[in-house]
């Protein structure tokens, strides 16, 4: 049974935070930011992957894959 593909989860101006992937939980202060740009990239087998440019509240920006972000509730 094939997996159903997940489409774009976030839109511009959505509030997000990084998922905690550290083994040591709560060793850093969680960062919050807003999506400034959504980017579609195609991998070597032709699947579309979504990346987002995030402007963090501390005025830094970075690019992240969709699976590493989660919405702020």
C-alpha atoms as a PDB file:
ATOM      1  CA  UNK A   1       0.000   0.000   0.000  1.00  0.00           C
ATOM      2  CA  UNK A   2       1.655   3.287  -1.069  1.00  0.00           C
ATOM      3  CA  UNK A   3       1.942   6.207   1.317  1.00  0.00           C
ATOM      4  CA  UNK A   4      -0.129   9.241   0.479  1.00  0.00           C
ATOM      5  CA  UNK A   5       2.113  12.228  -0.095  1.00  0.00           C
ATOM      6  CA  UNK A   6       1.869  15.191   2.214  1.00  0.00           C
ATOM      7  CA  UNK A   7       1.503  18.539   0.493  1.00  0.00           C
ATOM      8  CA  UNK A   8       2.625  21.931   1.653  1.00  0.00           C
ATOM      9  CA  UNK A   9       1.871  22.288   5.377  1.00  0.00           C
ATOM     10  CA  UNK A  10       2.779  25.929   6.000  1.00  0.00           C
ATOM     11  CA  UNK A  11       2.028  29.234   4.290  1.00  0.00           C
ATOM     12  CA  UNK A  12       3.799  32.581   4.354  1.00  0.00           C
ATOM     13  CA  UNK A  13       3.389  34.375   7.722  1.00  0.00           C
ATOM     14  CA  UNK A  14       2.557  31.166   9.629  1.00  0.00           C
ATOM     15  CA  UNK A  15       4.164  30.991  13.085  1.00  0.00           C
ATOM     16  CA  UNK A  16       6.465  27.984  13.579  1.00  0.00           C
ATOM     17  CA  UNK A  17       9.087  26.514  15.875  1.00  0.00           C
ATOM     18  CA  UNK A  18      11.784  23.880  15.323  1.00  0.00           C
ATOM     19  CA  UNK A  19      11.064  20.329  16.420  1.00  0.00           C
ATOM     20  CA  UNK A  20      13.343  19.244  19.238  1.00  0.00           C
ATOM     21  CA  UNK A  21      15.590  16.553  17.750  1.00  0.00           C
ATOM     22  CA  UNK A  22      18.152  16.645  20.545  1.00  0.00           C
ATOM     23  CA  UNK A  23      18.660  13.592  22.726  1.00  0.00           C
ATOM     24  CA  UNK A  24      19.032  15.875  25.724  1.00  0.00           C
ATOM     25  CA  UNK A  25      15.611  17.441  26.077  1.00  0.00           C
ATOM     26  CA  UNK A  26      15.216  21.128  26.985  1.00  0.00           C
ATOM     27  CA  UNK A  27      18.903  21.991  26.763  1.00  0.00           C
ATOM     28  CA  UNK A  28      18.166  25.133  24.759  1.00  0.00           C
ATOM     29  CA  UNK A  29      15.544  27.821  24.619  1.00  0.00           C
ATOM     30  CA  UNK A  30      12.930  27.138  21.953  1.00  0.00           C
ATOM     31  CA  UNK A  31      12.953  29.596  19.036  1.00  0.00           C
ATOM     32  CA  UNK A  32       9.841  30.933  17.366  1.00  0.00           C
ATOM     33  CA  UNK A  33       9.546  32.572  13.986  1.00  0.00           C
ATOM     34  CA  UNK A  34       7.470  33.286  10.904  1.00  0.00           C
ATOM     35  CA  UNK A  35       7.621  31.728   7.438  1.00  0.00           C
ATOM     36  CA  UNK A  36       8.863  34.273   4.897  1.00  0.00           C
ATOM     37  CA  UNK A  37       9.114  32.054   1.814  1.00  0.00           C
ATOM     38  CA  UNK A  38       8.006  28.577   0.703  1.00  0.00           C
ATOM     39  CA  UNK A  39      10.390  26.722  -1.623  1.00  0.00           C
ATOM     40  CA  UNK A  40       9.619  23.610  -3.688  1.00  0.00           C
ATOM     41  CA  UNK A  41      12.576  21.367  -4.523  1.00  0.00           C
ATOM     42  CA  UNK A  42      12.600  18.106  -6.454  1.00  0.00           C
ATOM     43  CA  UNK A  43      14.767  15.220  -5.270  1.00  0.00           C
ATOM     44  CA  UNK A  44      16.594  12.713  -7.496  1.00  0.00           C
ATOM     45  CA  UNK A  45      13.541  10.453  -7.934  1.00  0.00           C
ATOM     46  CA  UNK A  46      11.247  13.330  -8.829  1.00  0.00           C
ATOM     47  CA  UNK A  47       9.328  13.804  -5.566  1.00  0.00           C
ATOM     48  CA  UNK A  48       8.545  17.358  -4.538  1.00  0.00           C
ATOM     49  CA  UNK A  49       9.903  18.406  -1.147  1.00  0.00           C
ATOM     50  CA  UNK A  50       9.009  21.597   0.676  1.00  0.00           C
ATOM     51  CA  UNK A  51      11.471  23.914   2.382  1.00  0.00           C
ATOM     52  CA  UNK A  52      10.755  27.156   4.188  1.00  0.00           C
ATOM     53  CA  UNK A  53      12.725  30.295   4.955  1.00  0.00           C
ATOM     54  CA  UNK A  54      12.030  31.300   8.537  1.00  0.00           C
ATOM     55  CA  UNK A  55      12.631  34.714  10.106  1.00  0.00           C
ATOM     56  CA  UNK A  56      13.166  33.989  13.785  1.00  0.00           C
ATOM     57  CA  UNK A  57      12.087  36.406  16.506  1.00  0.00           C
ATOM     58  CA  UNK A  58      15.764  37.242  17.154  1.00  0.00           C
ATOM     59  CA  UNK A  59      15.925  38.610  13.545  1.00  0.00           C
ATOM     60  CA  UNK A  60      18.043  35.730  12.192  1.00  0.00           C
ATOM     61  CA  UNK A  61      16.815  33.729   9.230  1.00  0.00           C
ATOM     62  CA  UNK A  62      17.404  30.169   8.035  1.00  0.00           C
ATOM     63  CA  UNK A  63      16.018  27.542   5.667  1.00  0.00           C
ATOM     64  CA  UNK A  64      14.426  24.334   6.986  1.00  0.00           C
ATOM     65  CA  UNK A  65      12.761  21.223   5.601  1.00  0.00           C
ATOM     66  CA  UNK A  66       9.056  20.880   6.253  1.00  0.00           C
ATOM     67  CA  UNK A  67       9.493  17.868   8.560  1.00  0.00           C
ATOM     68  CA  UNK A  68      11.718  19.819  10.969  1.00  0.00           C
ATOM     69  CA  UNK A  69       9.136  22.534  11.719  1.00  0.00           C
ATOM     70  CA  UNK A  70       5.936  22.496  13.712  1.00  0.00           C
ATOM     71  CA  UNK A  71       3.159  25.086  14.004  1.00  0.00           C
ATOM     72  CA  UNK A  72       2.850  27.273  17.083  1.00  0.00           C
ATOM     73  CA  UNK A  73      -0.445  26.763  18.852  1.00  0.00           C
END
